[in-house]
Each structure stands twice: as structure tokens, then as C-alpha cells.
Amino acid sequence: MKEFIGALNAYHVLNFIVPGTLFAIILTNFSNINLLQEASLAGILLYYFIGMVLSRLGSLIFEPLLLNTKIITKYEFADYIKASCVDQNIATLLGVNNMYRSLFTMSLLLLFVFIFEPYDITNLRADKAVVVLLGVLTLIFVFAWQKQHGLISRRIQVIKGENFVLPKSKPSK
């Protein structure tokens, strides 16, 4: 297990553990569903898994929806690879972009759960303020995601427009 913890990098923390933990905390505090774990190892694994599911839902469902509605625009993978060779910040920006996508997904799912709470058998106890807060967070994260995605797209387009040639790799020593 130490290897698992040691292998976690900033991307995993920001895109899986943070959204997964926030999801568990909010759902536990405003429903009868308790996802909080007292054991730190069990908690890390559970929150990582929840965050990974949120990330995949965002990638497989919500990202295509936002692409179809033109809220975000698509960039070609080959252009991304070329641009990231020139501008190393693009990879960092993409990690932040994916974090916003995961937080948007988290907010939207929690909002959906709390809006439809009267029909849920788990007896959710969210009040209107929580629903409003989640609505605001959902909007904040979708616009943050859109802005971050646009920044990456613009950087790629700048590099794409410059008759770019991949730099030759240096021989290994």
C-alpha cells in the first residue's frame, strides 16, 4: 500500500482524491448516506475511487455534451502533442482543466441528487441553501473548465500556426 500512496502525484490528488473527498463530505453531511471513513487508508482508497468515477463520468458523458453544445471546443490530439513539446505548461494546464471537469461533474451530480431528494428513498435532508450553493458551484466549475479549456486551445493554435517542427531529441547518455 505504501507503493500506492507513493505513486500518487499532484494529478491524482487534484483529479481523484479532492473531488472524491468533497463528494463524500457533502453527501454525508446532507444525507443519510455516510461515505466518510475513519481509517485513513480505507478513506484514501474510497475517495480515490469516487474521484476516479467522477473523472470518468466527466470525460465520457459531460465532456462530449459540452463539446456538442460548443461550450468547449475540441483540439486535435496531434496538435496537442506538438504544442506540449514546445510549451510544457500545457500539460499542467490540462491537469487543472481536468480538475475543473471533475469538480463540475461532482457539483452537477450532487445538485441532481439534492434536487430530486423528495423522490429518493434515502431521506436526504438538504435544504434549499445547499441546492442553491451546488447550483452556483456547478456554474462556477463549468465556466472555469470552459476558460481553462479555451486557454489550452489558444496555446495549441498559436503553436500550430507557426510551421512547427518537433525538436530533435537529445541522445541519451
N, C-alpha and C. Protein backbone atom coordinates (compact mmCIF):
# COMPACT_ATOMS: atom_id res chain seq x y z
N MET A 1 0.82 -1.20 0.00
CA MET A 1 0.00 0.00 0.00
C MET A 1 0.86 1.26 0.00
N LYS A 2 2.05 1.17 0.60
CA LYS A 2 2.95 2.32 0.60
C LYS A 2 3.30 2.71 -0.83
N GLU A 3 3.41 1.69 -1.71
CA GLU A 3 3.72 1.97 -3.11
C GLU A 3 2.58 2.76 -3.76
N PHE A 4 1.35 2.40 -3.41
CA PHE A 4 0.20 3.12 -3.96
C PHE A 4 0.22 4.58 -3.52
N ILE A 5 0.41 4.81 -2.24
CA ILE A 5 0.44 6.17 -1.70
C ILE A 5 1.60 6.94 -2.31
N GLY A 6 2.75 6.27 -2.44
CA GLY A 6 3.93 6.92 -3.02
C GLY A 6 3.76 7.25 -4.49
N ALA A 7 2.92 6.48 -5.17
CA ALA A 7 2.72 6.70 -6.60
C ALA A 7 1.73 7.84 -6.89
N LEU A 8 1.03 8.30 -5.88
CA LEU A 8 0.08 9.39 -6.08
C LEU A 8 0.85 10.68 -6.40
N ASN A 9 0.49 11.31 -7.49
CA ASN A 9 1.11 12.59 -7.82
C ASN A 9 0.06 13.69 -7.73
N ALA A 10 0.45 14.90 -8.05
CA ALA A 10 -0.47 16.05 -7.95
C ALA A 10 -1.72 15.83 -8.79
N TYR A 11 -1.56 15.21 -9.96
CA TYR A 11 -2.72 14.95 -10.82
C TYR A 11 -3.74 14.07 -10.11
N HIS A 12 -3.27 12.98 -9.51
CA HIS A 12 -4.18 12.07 -8.81
C HIS A 12 -4.86 12.76 -7.62
N VAL A 13 -4.11 13.56 -6.91
CA VAL A 13 -4.68 14.25 -5.75
C VAL A 13 -5.75 15.24 -6.20
N LEU A 14 -5.43 16.08 -7.20
CA LEU A 14 -6.36 17.12 -7.65
C LEU A 14 -7.56 16.56 -8.41
N ASN A 15 -7.38 15.48 -9.15
CA ASN A 15 -8.45 14.98 -10.01
C ASN A 15 -9.24 13.82 -9.43
N PHE A 16 -8.68 13.12 -8.46
CA PHE A 16 -9.40 11.98 -7.90
C PHE A 16 -9.67 12.16 -6.41
N ILE A 17 -8.65 12.39 -5.62
CA ILE A 17 -8.83 12.42 -4.16
C ILE A 17 -9.62 13.65 -3.72
N VAL A 18 -9.29 14.84 -4.23
CA VAL A 18 -10.03 16.05 -3.81
C VAL A 18 -11.50 15.96 -4.19
N PRO A 19 -11.86 15.72 -5.47
CA PRO A 19 -13.29 15.62 -5.78
C PRO A 19 -13.98 14.47 -5.06
N GLY A 20 -13.32 13.33 -4.93
CA GLY A 20 -13.92 12.19 -4.24
C GLY A 20 -14.17 12.48 -2.77
N THR A 21 -13.22 13.15 -2.14
CA THR A 21 -13.38 13.50 -0.72
C THR A 21 -14.48 14.54 -0.53
N LEU A 22 -14.49 15.56 -1.37
CA LEU A 22 -15.54 16.59 -1.28
C LEU A 22 -16.93 15.98 -1.51
N PHE A 23 -17.03 15.08 -2.48
CA PHE A 23 -18.30 14.41 -2.75
C PHE A 23 -18.76 13.65 -1.51
N ALA A 24 -17.85 12.90 -0.89
CA ALA A 24 -18.19 12.11 0.30
C ALA A 24 -18.60 13.02 1.46
N ILE A 25 -17.87 14.11 1.66
CA ILE A 25 -18.17 15.03 2.77
C ILE A 25 -19.54 15.68 2.57
N ILE A 26 -19.80 16.19 1.39
CA ILE A 26 -21.08 16.88 1.13
C ILE A 26 -22.24 15.90 1.23
N LEU A 27 -22.10 14.73 0.59
CA LEU A 27 -23.20 13.76 0.63
C LEU A 27 -23.44 13.28 2.06
N THR A 28 -22.39 13.05 2.83
CA THR A 28 -22.53 12.59 4.22
C THR A 28 -23.19 13.65 5.10
N ASN A 29 -22.82 14.91 4.91
CA ASN A 29 -23.36 15.97 5.75
C ASN A 29 -24.79 16.36 5.43
N PHE A 30 -25.26 16.04 4.23
CA PHE A 30 -26.61 16.47 3.85
C PHE A 30 -27.51 15.31 3.43
N SER A 31 -27.14 14.10 3.82
CA SER A 31 -27.99 12.96 3.53
C SER A 31 -27.79 11.91 4.62
N ASN A 32 -28.50 10.83 4.49
CA ASN A 32 -28.32 9.71 5.42
C ASN A 32 -27.29 8.72 4.90
N ILE A 33 -26.61 9.07 3.84
CA ILE A 33 -25.57 8.21 3.27
C ILE A 33 -24.24 8.65 3.85
N ASN A 34 -23.57 7.77 4.56
CA ASN A 34 -22.29 8.11 5.17
C ASN A 34 -21.17 7.45 4.38
N LEU A 35 -20.41 8.27 3.67
CA LEU A 35 -19.28 7.77 2.90
C LEU A 35 -17.94 8.07 3.57
N LEU A 36 -17.96 8.76 4.70
CA LEU A 36 -16.72 9.11 5.37
C LEU A 36 -16.13 7.88 6.05
N GLN A 37 -14.82 7.77 5.97
CA GLN A 37 -14.11 6.63 6.53
C GLN A 37 -13.22 7.08 7.68
N GLU A 38 -13.26 6.34 8.77
CA GLU A 38 -12.40 6.67 9.91
C GLU A 38 -10.97 6.20 9.66
N ALA A 39 -10.81 5.07 9.01
CA ALA A 39 -9.48 4.56 8.69
C ALA A 39 -8.93 5.34 7.50
N SER A 40 -7.77 5.92 7.67
CA SER A 40 -7.24 6.79 6.62
C SER A 40 -6.94 6.03 5.34
N LEU A 41 -6.45 4.80 5.42
CA LEU A 41 -6.15 4.04 4.23
C LEU A 41 -7.43 3.69 3.47
N ALA A 42 -8.43 3.23 4.19
CA ALA A 42 -9.72 2.92 3.55
C ALA A 42 -10.32 4.19 2.95
N GLY A 43 -10.17 5.31 3.65
CA GLY A 43 -10.68 6.58 3.14
C GLY A 43 -10.00 7.00 1.86
N ILE A 44 -8.68 6.92 1.83
CA ILE A 44 -7.94 7.30 0.63
C ILE A 44 -8.37 6.46 -0.56
N LEU A 45 -8.49 5.14 -0.33
CA LEU A 45 -8.91 4.26 -1.43
C LEU A 45 -10.33 4.57 -1.89
N LEU A 46 -11.24 4.77 -0.95
CA LEU A 46 -12.62 5.08 -1.31
C LEU A 46 -12.71 6.42 -2.02
N TYR A 47 -12.08 7.45 -1.49
CA TYR A 47 -12.16 8.79 -2.09
C TYR A 47 -11.48 8.80 -3.46
N TYR A 48 -10.38 8.08 -3.59
CA TYR A 48 -9.71 7.96 -4.89
C TYR A 48 -10.66 7.32 -5.90
N PHE A 49 -11.33 6.23 -5.48
CA PHE A 49 -12.25 5.53 -6.37
C PHE A 49 -13.42 6.43 -6.75
N ILE A 50 -14.03 7.10 -5.78
CA ILE A 50 -15.15 8.01 -6.08
C ILE A 50 -14.69 9.09 -7.05
N GLY A 51 -13.52 9.67 -6.79
CA GLY A 51 -12.98 10.71 -7.67
C GLY A 51 -12.69 10.19 -9.06
N MET A 52 -12.20 8.95 -9.15
CA MET A 52 -11.93 8.37 -10.46
C MET A 52 -13.24 8.17 -11.24
N VAL A 53 -14.28 7.73 -10.54
CA VAL A 53 -15.59 7.57 -11.19
C VAL A 53 -16.11 8.94 -11.66
N LEU A 54 -15.99 9.96 -10.82
CA LEU A 54 -16.42 11.30 -11.21
C LEU A 54 -15.64 11.77 -12.44
N SER A 55 -14.34 11.54 -12.44
CA SER A 55 -13.50 11.95 -13.57
C SER A 55 -13.93 11.24 -14.86
N ARG A 56 -14.20 9.95 -14.76
CA ARG A 56 -14.60 9.20 -15.96
C ARG A 56 -15.99 9.63 -16.42
N LEU A 57 -16.91 9.88 -15.51
CA LEU A 57 -18.23 10.39 -15.91
C LEU A 57 -18.07 11.73 -16.64
N GLY A 58 -17.20 12.58 -16.11
CA GLY A 58 -16.96 13.86 -16.76
C GLY A 58 -16.37 13.69 -18.14
N SER A 59 -15.43 12.79 -18.27
CA SER A 59 -14.75 12.57 -19.54
C SER A 59 -15.66 11.88 -20.57
N LEU A 60 -16.40 10.89 -20.14
CA LEU A 60 -17.18 10.08 -21.08
C LEU A 60 -18.58 10.63 -21.36
N ILE A 61 -19.15 11.38 -20.43
CA ILE A 61 -20.52 11.86 -20.61
C ILE A 61 -20.57 13.38 -20.76
N PHE A 62 -20.04 14.11 -19.77
CA PHE A 62 -20.23 15.56 -19.77
C PHE A 62 -19.33 16.29 -20.76
N GLU A 63 -18.10 15.82 -20.95
CA GLU A 63 -17.24 16.49 -21.93
C GLU A 63 -17.83 16.40 -23.34
N PRO A 64 -18.28 15.22 -23.82
CA PRO A 64 -18.92 15.19 -25.14
C PRO A 64 -20.17 16.08 -25.23
N LEU A 65 -20.94 16.15 -24.14
CA LEU A 65 -22.12 17.04 -24.15
C LEU A 65 -21.70 18.50 -24.30
N LEU A 66 -20.67 18.91 -23.57
CA LEU A 66 -20.21 20.29 -23.67
C LEU A 66 -19.54 20.57 -25.01
N LEU A 67 -18.89 19.57 -25.59
CA LEU A 67 -18.34 19.73 -26.94
C LEU A 67 -19.46 19.90 -27.96
N ASN A 68 -20.52 19.10 -27.83
CA ASN A 68 -21.66 19.19 -28.77
C ASN A 68 -22.39 20.52 -28.66
N THR A 69 -22.42 21.10 -27.47
CA THR A 69 -23.11 22.38 -27.29
C THR A 69 -22.18 23.56 -27.52
N LYS A 70 -20.91 23.27 -27.88
CA LYS A 70 -19.90 24.30 -28.17
C LYS A 70 -19.52 25.14 -26.95
N ILE A 71 -19.82 24.65 -25.74
CA ILE A 71 -19.37 25.34 -24.53
C ILE A 71 -17.85 25.22 -24.43
N ILE A 72 -17.33 24.06 -24.83
CA ILE A 72 -15.89 23.90 -25.01
C ILE A 72 -15.65 23.44 -26.44
N THR A 73 -14.45 23.66 -26.93
CA THR A 73 -14.13 23.27 -28.31
C THR A 73 -13.08 22.17 -28.29
N LYS A 74 -13.10 21.38 -29.33
CA LYS A 74 -12.18 20.26 -29.42
C LYS A 74 -10.87 20.71 -30.03
N TYR A 75 -9.77 20.15 -29.53
CA TYR A 75 -8.49 20.34 -30.18
C TYR A 75 -7.97 18.97 -30.59
N GLU A 76 -7.26 18.96 -31.69
CA GLU A 76 -6.76 17.71 -32.22
C GLU A 76 -5.63 17.19 -31.35
N PHE A 77 -5.61 15.88 -31.14
CA PHE A 77 -4.61 15.27 -30.28
C PHE A 77 -3.19 15.49 -30.82
N ALA A 78 -3.02 15.37 -32.13
CA ALA A 78 -1.68 15.59 -32.72
C ALA A 78 -1.21 17.02 -32.47
N ASP A 79 -2.13 17.98 -32.57
CA ASP A 79 -1.77 19.37 -32.29
C ASP A 79 -1.41 19.54 -30.82
N TYR A 80 -2.14 18.85 -29.94
CA TYR A 80 -1.85 18.92 -28.50
C TYR A 80 -0.44 18.38 -28.22
N ILE A 81 -0.10 17.25 -28.81
CA ILE A 81 1.21 16.63 -28.58
C ILE A 81 2.32 17.58 -29.06
N LYS A 82 2.17 18.12 -30.25
CA LYS A 82 3.19 19.04 -30.76
C LYS A 82 3.32 20.27 -29.87
N ALA A 83 2.20 20.83 -29.49
CA ALA A 83 2.21 22.05 -28.68
C ALA A 83 2.79 21.78 -27.30
N SER A 84 2.50 20.62 -26.72
CA SER A 84 3.02 20.33 -25.39
C SER A 84 4.54 20.09 -25.41
N CYS A 85 5.09 19.75 -26.58
CA CYS A 85 6.55 19.63 -26.69
C CYS A 85 7.22 21.00 -26.66
N VAL A 86 6.52 22.01 -27.15
CA VAL A 86 7.06 23.36 -27.17
C VAL A 86 6.74 24.09 -25.87
N ASP A 87 5.54 23.92 -25.37
CA ASP A 87 5.07 24.63 -24.19
C ASP A 87 4.74 23.62 -23.09
N GLN A 88 5.69 23.41 -22.18
CA GLN A 88 5.49 22.42 -21.12
C GLN A 88 4.36 22.80 -20.17
N ASN A 89 3.94 24.04 -20.17
CA ASN A 89 2.82 24.45 -19.30
C ASN A 89 1.50 23.86 -19.74
N ILE A 90 1.40 23.43 -20.99
CA ILE A 90 0.14 22.88 -21.49
C ILE A 90 -0.26 21.63 -20.70
N ALA A 91 0.69 20.78 -20.37
CA ALA A 91 0.37 19.57 -19.60
C ALA A 91 -0.16 19.94 -18.21
N THR A 92 0.44 20.94 -17.59
CA THR A 92 -0.04 21.41 -16.28
C THR A 92 -1.43 22.00 -16.41
N LEU A 93 -1.63 22.80 -17.45
CA LEU A 93 -2.95 23.40 -17.68
C LEU A 93 -4.00 22.33 -17.93
N LEU A 94 -3.63 21.26 -18.61
CA LEU A 94 -4.57 20.17 -18.86
C LEU A 94 -4.96 19.48 -17.55
N GLY A 95 -4.00 19.33 -16.63
CA GLY A 95 -4.33 18.75 -15.33
C GLY A 95 -5.34 19.60 -14.57
N VAL A 96 -5.16 20.92 -14.61
CA VAL A 96 -6.10 21.83 -13.96
C VAL A 96 -7.45 21.77 -14.68
N ASN A 97 -7.42 21.71 -16.01
CA ASN A 97 -8.64 21.58 -16.81
C ASN A 97 -9.43 20.35 -16.38
N ASN A 98 -8.75 19.24 -16.21
CA ASN A 98 -9.42 18.00 -15.82
C ASN A 98 -9.95 18.08 -14.39
N MET A 99 -9.26 18.82 -13.52
CA MET A 99 -9.75 19.03 -12.16
C MET A 99 -11.08 19.78 -12.20
N TYR A 100 -11.14 20.84 -13.02
CA TYR A 100 -12.40 21.59 -13.14
C TYR A 100 -13.51 20.69 -13.69
N ARG A 101 -13.17 19.82 -14.64
CA ARG A 101 -14.16 18.90 -15.19
C ARG A 101 -14.67 17.97 -14.09
N SER A 102 -13.78 17.46 -13.24
CA SER A 102 -14.18 16.56 -12.15
C SER A 102 -15.03 17.30 -11.11
N LEU A 103 -14.64 18.53 -10.78
CA LEU A 103 -15.42 19.31 -9.80
C LEU A 103 -16.78 19.70 -10.37
N PHE A 104 -16.84 20.00 -11.66
CA PHE A 104 -18.12 20.27 -12.32
C PHE A 104 -19.01 19.03 -12.23
N THR A 105 -18.45 17.87 -12.55
CA THR A 105 -19.21 16.63 -12.51
C THR A 105 -19.70 16.35 -11.09
N MET A 106 -18.82 16.54 -10.10
CA MET A 106 -19.19 16.36 -8.70
C MET A 106 -20.36 17.26 -8.33
N SER A 107 -20.24 18.55 -8.65
CA SER A 107 -21.29 19.52 -8.30
C SER A 107 -22.60 19.19 -8.99
N LEU A 108 -22.52 18.83 -10.26
CA LEU A 108 -23.73 18.53 -11.02
C LEU A 108 -24.42 17.28 -10.47
N LEU A 109 -23.66 16.25 -10.15
CA LEU A 109 -24.27 15.04 -9.59
C LEU A 109 -24.89 15.29 -8.23
N LEU A 110 -24.19 16.03 -7.37
CA LEU A 110 -24.76 16.36 -6.06
C LEU A 110 -26.01 17.23 -6.22
N LEU A 111 -25.97 18.17 -7.14
CA LEU A 111 -27.13 19.02 -7.40
C LEU A 111 -28.31 18.16 -7.85
N PHE A 112 -28.05 17.24 -8.75
CA PHE A 112 -29.09 16.33 -9.24
C PHE A 112 -29.68 15.52 -8.09
N VAL A 113 -28.81 14.98 -7.23
CA VAL A 113 -29.28 14.18 -6.09
C VAL A 113 -30.16 15.03 -5.18
N PHE A 114 -29.71 16.26 -4.87
CA PHE A 114 -30.45 17.08 -3.92
C PHE A 114 -31.71 17.70 -4.51
N ILE A 115 -31.74 17.94 -5.80
CA ILE A 115 -32.96 18.46 -6.43
C ILE A 115 -34.06 17.40 -6.40
N PHE A 116 -33.68 16.15 -6.65
CA PHE A 116 -34.66 15.09 -6.70
C PHE A 116 -34.81 14.34 -5.38
N GLU A 117 -34.34 14.98 -4.30
CA GLU A 117 -34.40 14.35 -2.98
C GLU A 117 -35.80 13.97 -2.52
N PRO A 118 -36.86 14.70 -2.85
CA PRO A 118 -38.17 14.26 -2.35
C PRO A 118 -38.57 12.89 -2.88
N TYR A 119 -37.97 12.49 -4.01
CA TYR A 119 -38.33 11.22 -4.63
C TYR A 119 -37.35 10.11 -4.25
N ASP A 120 -36.39 10.42 -3.41
CA ASP A 120 -35.34 9.47 -3.07
C ASP A 120 -35.67 8.78 -1.75
N ILE A 121 -35.47 7.47 -1.71
CA ILE A 121 -35.80 6.71 -0.52
C ILE A 121 -34.75 6.84 0.57
N THR A 122 -33.62 7.49 0.29
CA THR A 122 -32.57 7.60 1.30
C THR A 122 -32.84 8.73 2.27
N ASN A 123 -33.93 9.47 2.09
CA ASN A 123 -34.32 10.53 3.01
C ASN A 123 -33.25 11.62 3.13
N LEU A 124 -32.88 12.18 2.00
CA LEU A 124 -31.91 13.28 2.00
C LEU A 124 -32.50 14.45 2.75
N ARG A 125 -31.64 15.20 3.45
CA ARG A 125 -32.12 16.32 4.24
C ARG A 125 -31.50 17.64 3.82
N ALA A 126 -31.19 17.78 2.54
CA ALA A 126 -30.60 19.03 2.06
C ALA A 126 -31.66 20.12 2.05
N ASP A 127 -31.25 21.30 2.44
CA ASP A 127 -32.19 22.40 2.37
C ASP A 127 -31.95 23.19 1.08
N LYS A 128 -32.79 24.18 0.85
CA LYS A 128 -32.70 24.95 -0.39
C LYS A 128 -31.36 25.67 -0.53
N ALA A 129 -30.77 26.09 0.58
CA ALA A 129 -29.48 26.79 0.51
C ALA A 129 -28.40 25.88 -0.08
N VAL A 130 -28.43 24.60 0.28
CA VAL A 130 -27.45 23.66 -0.27
C VAL A 130 -27.67 23.49 -1.77
N VAL A 131 -28.91 23.40 -2.19
CA VAL A 131 -29.23 23.26 -3.61
C VAL A 131 -28.75 24.49 -4.37
N VAL A 132 -29.00 25.66 -3.82
CA VAL A 132 -28.55 26.91 -4.47
C VAL A 132 -27.02 26.94 -4.53
N LEU A 133 -26.37 26.59 -3.43
CA LEU A 133 -24.90 26.58 -3.40
C LEU A 133 -24.35 25.61 -4.43
N LEU A 134 -24.91 24.43 -4.52
CA LEU A 134 -24.45 23.46 -5.52
C LEU A 134 -24.70 23.96 -6.94
N GLY A 135 -25.82 24.65 -7.15
CA GLY A 135 -26.08 25.24 -8.46
C GLY A 135 -25.02 26.27 -8.83
N VAL A 136 -24.68 27.11 -7.86
CA VAL A 136 -23.65 28.12 -8.09
C VAL A 136 -22.30 27.46 -8.34
N LEU A 137 -21.95 26.46 -7.54
CA LEU A 137 -20.69 25.75 -7.74
C LEU A 137 -20.64 25.07 -9.11
N THR A 138 -21.75 24.49 -9.53
CA THR A 138 -21.81 23.86 -10.84
C THR A 138 -21.51 24.88 -11.93
N LEU A 139 -22.12 26.04 -11.85
CA LEU A 139 -21.86 27.10 -12.84
C LEU A 139 -20.41 27.58 -12.78
N ILE A 140 -19.90 27.78 -11.57
CA ILE A 140 -18.51 28.23 -11.42
C ILE A 140 -17.57 27.23 -12.08
N PHE A 141 -17.76 25.95 -11.79
CA PHE A 141 -16.83 24.95 -12.32
C PHE A 141 -16.98 24.74 -13.82
N VAL A 142 -18.19 24.85 -14.35
CA VAL A 142 -18.32 24.68 -15.80
C VAL A 142 -17.66 25.87 -16.52
N PHE A 143 -17.80 27.07 -15.98
CA PHE A 143 -17.16 28.23 -16.61
C PHE A 143 -15.65 28.22 -16.40
N ALA A 144 -15.19 27.72 -15.26
CA ALA A 144 -13.75 27.59 -15.03
C ALA A 144 -13.17 26.56 -16.01
N TRP A 145 -13.89 25.48 -16.18
CA TRP A 145 -13.47 24.43 -17.12
C TRP A 145 -13.43 25.00 -18.53
N GLN A 146 -14.47 25.72 -18.91
CA GLN A 146 -14.52 26.32 -20.25
C GLN A 146 -13.36 27.28 -20.47
N LYS A 147 -13.07 28.12 -19.49
CA LYS A 147 -11.97 29.08 -19.61
C LYS A 147 -10.63 28.36 -19.72
N GLN A 148 -10.41 27.37 -18.87
CA GLN A 148 -9.15 26.63 -18.89
C GLN A 148 -8.99 25.89 -20.21
N HIS A 149 -10.05 25.28 -20.68
CA HIS A 149 -10.02 24.56 -21.95
C HIS A 149 -9.70 25.52 -23.10
N GLY A 150 -10.30 26.71 -23.06
CA GLY A 150 -10.02 27.71 -24.09
C GLY A 150 -8.57 28.16 -24.07
N LEU A 151 -8.01 28.31 -22.87
CA LEU A 151 -6.61 28.70 -22.75
C LEU A 151 -5.70 27.66 -23.40
N ILE A 152 -5.97 26.39 -23.13
CA ILE A 152 -5.18 25.32 -23.75
C ILE A 152 -5.34 25.36 -25.27
N SER A 153 -6.57 25.50 -25.73
CA SER A 153 -6.83 25.55 -27.18
C SER A 153 -6.09 26.70 -27.85
N ARG A 154 -6.11 27.86 -27.21
CA ARG A 154 -5.42 29.02 -27.80
C ARG A 154 -3.92 28.79 -27.86
N ARG A 155 -3.35 28.20 -26.83
CA ARG A 155 -1.91 27.93 -26.83
C ARG A 155 -1.56 26.94 -27.94
N ILE A 156 -2.40 25.93 -28.11
CA ILE A 156 -2.17 24.95 -29.17
C ILE A 156 -2.26 25.62 -30.53
N GLN A 157 -3.25 26.47 -30.73
CA GLN A 157 -3.42 27.14 -32.01
C GLN A 157 -2.24 28.06 -32.34
N VAL A 158 -1.70 28.73 -31.34
CA VAL A 158 -0.54 29.60 -31.56
C VAL A 158 0.63 28.77 -32.07
N ILE A 159 0.87 27.65 -31.42
CA ILE A 159 2.00 26.80 -31.82
C ILE A 159 1.70 26.13 -33.16
N LYS A 160 0.48 25.73 -33.39
CA LYS A 160 0.09 25.08 -34.64
C LYS A 160 0.29 26.03 -35.82
N GLY A 161 0.06 27.30 -35.61
CA GLY A 161 0.15 28.27 -36.70
C GLY A 161 1.57 28.67 -37.06
N GLU A 162 2.57 28.12 -36.41
CA GLU A 162 3.95 28.54 -36.61
C GLU A 162 4.79 27.55 -37.39
N ASN A 163 4.32 26.89 -38.41
CA ASN A 163 5.12 25.93 -39.16
C ASN A 163 6.04 25.14 -38.22
N PHE A 164 5.45 24.59 -37.24
CA PHE A 164 6.17 23.94 -36.16
C PHE A 164 6.83 22.65 -36.61
N VAL A 165 8.06 22.44 -36.15
CA VAL A 165 8.77 21.17 -36.36
C VAL A 165 9.17 20.67 -34.98
N LEU A 166 8.92 19.40 -34.73
CA LEU A 166 9.28 18.84 -33.42
C LEU A 166 10.78 18.95 -33.20
N PRO A 167 11.19 19.36 -32.01
CA PRO A 167 12.64 19.41 -31.74
C PRO A 167 13.22 18.02 -31.73
N LYS A 168 14.46 17.92 -32.22
CA LYS A 168 15.12 16.62 -32.23
C LYS A 168 15.46 16.24 -30.81
N SER A 169 15.25 14.98 -30.49
CA SER A 169 15.56 14.54 -29.13
C SER A 169 17.06 14.42 -28.96
N LYS A 170 17.49 14.71 -27.74
CA LYS A 170 18.91 14.63 -27.43
C LYS A 170 19.26 13.16 -27.20
N PRO A 171 20.42 12.76 -27.67
CA PRO A 171 20.80 11.34 -27.43
C PRO A 171 20.99 11.08 -25.94
N SER A 172 20.62 9.87 -25.51
CA SER A 172 20.79 9.52 -24.10
C SER A 172 22.25 9.28 -23.80
N LYS A 173 22.58 9.60 -22.59
CA LYS A 173 23.99 9.41 -22.18
C LYS A 173 24.18 8.07 -21.54
